[in-house]
Protein backbone atom coordinates (compact mmCIF):
# COMPACT_ATOMS: atom_id res chain seq x y z
CA MET A 1 0.00 0.00 0.00
CA ARG A 2 2.84 2.35 0.83
CA TYR A 3 4.35 1.89 -2.67
CA ALA A 4 1.02 2.69 -4.33
CA ALA A 5 0.82 5.93 -2.35
CA LEU A 6 4.36 6.87 -3.40
CA LEU A 7 3.53 6.20 -7.04
CA VAL A 8 0.45 8.44 -6.83
CA LEU A 9 2.51 11.22 -5.23
CA ALA A 10 5.22 10.87 -7.89
CA LEU A 11 2.67 11.18 -10.72
CA LEU A 12 0.62 13.95 -9.12
CA PRO A 13 2.60 16.87 -10.62
CA LEU A 14 2.16 15.41 -14.12
CA ALA A 15 -1.57 14.91 -13.68
CA CYS A 16 -2.06 18.40 -12.28
CA GLY A 17 -0.09 20.09 -15.04
CA ASP A 18 2.40 21.59 -12.58
CA PHE A 19 5.38 19.80 -14.12
CA GLU A 20 8.00 22.22 -15.38
CA PRO A 21 10.58 20.51 -17.58
CA PRO A 22 14.23 21.47 -17.11
CA PHE A 23 15.00 24.66 -19.07
CA ASP A 24 18.49 25.87 -19.98
CA PHE A 25 18.93 29.30 -21.59
CA ARG A 26 22.25 30.60 -22.95
CA SER A 27 23.14 33.64 -25.02
CA SER A 28 26.34 34.86 -26.62
CA SER A 29 27.33 38.32 -27.69
CA GLY A 30 27.28 38.87 -31.38
CA ALA A 31 25.62 36.71 -33.99
CA ASP A 32 26.50 35.41 -37.41
CA GLU A 33 23.21 36.75 -38.75
CA SER A 34 21.80 40.27 -38.70
CA VAL A 35 18.17 39.21 -38.99
CA GLU A 36 15.95 38.44 -36.01
CA SER A 37 14.84 34.81 -36.16
CA ALA A 38 14.14 31.57 -34.25
CA ARG A 39 13.90 27.90 -35.18
CA VAL A 40 13.06 24.75 -33.24
CA THR A 41 14.48 21.24 -33.50
CA SER A 42 14.37 18.04 -31.50
CA PRO A 43 18.01 16.90 -31.44
CA GLY A 44 17.43 13.91 -29.17
CA SER A 45 15.04 11.93 -27.06
CA ALA A 46 12.84 14.07 -24.76
CA ILE A 47 14.51 17.33 -25.90
CA ALA A 48 13.36 20.40 -27.82
CA ARG A 49 15.84 23.15 -28.67
CA VAL A 50 15.13 26.70 -29.83
CA ALA A 51 17.98 28.60 -31.48
CA GLY A 52 17.56 32.20 -32.42
CA VAL A 53 18.91 35.65 -33.06
CA PHE A 54 17.52 38.54 -31.02
CA GLU A 55 17.64 42.17 -32.15
CA ALA A 56 18.44 44.24 -29.05
CA PRO A 57 18.25 48.05 -29.01
CA ASN A 58 22.06 48.33 -28.61
CA SER A 59 25.16 46.43 -27.59
CA CYS A 60 24.69 47.18 -23.85
CA HIS A 61 21.79 44.73 -23.58
CA SER A 62 21.85 41.15 -22.32
CA LEU A 63 19.24 38.41 -22.69
CA SER A 64 17.27 36.20 -20.33
CA GLY A 65 14.73 33.51 -21.13
CA SER A 66 11.67 31.97 -19.54
CA LEU A 67 9.46 28.99 -20.34
CA GLU A 68 5.75 28.23 -20.01
CA ALA A 69 5.26 24.52 -20.73
CA GLY A 70 2.21 22.48 -21.64
CA ASN A 71 0.97 21.28 -25.02
CA THR A 72 2.59 24.48 -26.27
CA LEU A 73 6.13 25.41 -25.28
CA LYS A 74 6.20 29.21 -24.96
CA VAL A 75 9.73 30.59 -24.80
CA THR A 76 10.00 34.30 -24.00
CA VAL A 77 13.35 35.99 -24.58
CA GLN A 78 13.81 39.38 -22.93
CA SER A 79 16.53 41.98 -23.17
CA SER A 80 17.60 44.34 -20.44
CA GLY A 81 20.36 46.88 -20.35
CA SER A 82 21.29 50.49 -20.69
CA ASN A 83 20.27 53.06 -23.24
CA ASP A 84 23.27 55.19 -22.29
CA PRO A 85 24.52 57.24 -25.28
CA GLU A 86 27.90 55.48 -24.94
CA CYS A 87 26.13 52.27 -25.99
CA GLY A 88 25.28 53.76 -29.35
CA ASN A 89 21.99 53.57 -31.16
CA GLU A 90 22.80 50.71 -33.54
CA PRO A 91 20.90 47.48 -32.93
CA ALA A 92 22.87 44.52 -31.63
CA PHE A 93 22.14 40.98 -32.80
CA ILE A 94 22.59 38.40 -30.03
CA SER A 95 22.36 34.64 -30.59
CA TYR A 96 20.80 32.30 -28.03
CA THR A 97 19.73 28.71 -27.44
CA ALA A 98 16.99 27.44 -25.16
CA THR A 99 16.98 23.73 -24.39
CA ILE A 100 13.91 22.08 -22.89
CA SER A 101 14.49 18.54 -21.63
CA GLY A 102 12.46 15.86 -19.90
CA LEU A 103 9.60 16.12 -22.40
CA ALA A 104 7.21 13.26 -23.06
CA SER A 105 7.10 11.94 -26.60
CA GLY A 106 4.62 13.78 -28.83
CA ASN A 107 3.85 16.89 -30.85
CA TYR A 108 4.27 20.28 -29.19
CA GLY A 109 3.32 23.72 -30.36
CA VAL A 110 6.25 26.13 -30.06
CA LEU A 111 5.81 29.85 -29.59
CA VAL A 112 8.85 32.14 -29.32
CA ILE A 113 8.36 35.72 -28.17
CA HIS A 114 11.08 38.38 -28.28
CA ALA A 115 10.57 41.18 -25.75
CA PRO A 116 13.17 43.95 -26.10
CA GLN A 117 13.31 46.33 -23.14
CA GLY A 118 11.04 49.32 -23.76
CA GLN A 119 9.40 47.82 -26.87
CA GLU A 120 6.32 45.75 -27.59
CA PRO A 121 6.91 41.97 -27.50
CA ARG A 122 6.82 40.28 -30.90
CA THR A 123 6.21 36.70 -31.99
CA VAL A 124 9.14 35.41 -34.04
CA LEU A 125 8.14 31.74 -34.24
CA ASP A 126 4.79 29.96 -34.16
CA SER A 127 5.51 26.37 -35.12
CA SER A 128 5.46 22.79 -33.90
CA VAL A 129 7.98 20.07 -33.17
CA PHE A 130 7.77 16.31 -32.68
CA VAL A 131 9.73 15.05 -29.68
CA GLU A 132 10.69 11.36 -29.48
């Protein structure tokens, strides 16, 4: 009986929809491309990866990412930084990757939102991916 109770407790977060898969976000200064974009792949079992290029207001901005997970994986990439005149007024293109692991096999909608500081958020990807 005790093992049955443990199994129910272990599965409870999945049944309630409170499961948050592991999310790893990394960005690097500079990008090979000068066009804002995002793409999604499933490079391995239980993994979805979003790779993109973010157009920040200037080179003094850094990126952070967040995830809302369910049948749709919503990745929001935000910039924050300074608008000091020393930073210039030329846009900076910053590459990033967001890796979502621990996913169950199936089709997922993928929505990627770029939210530059001081600007309206914009959808850069509305797609789907199959995860094995």
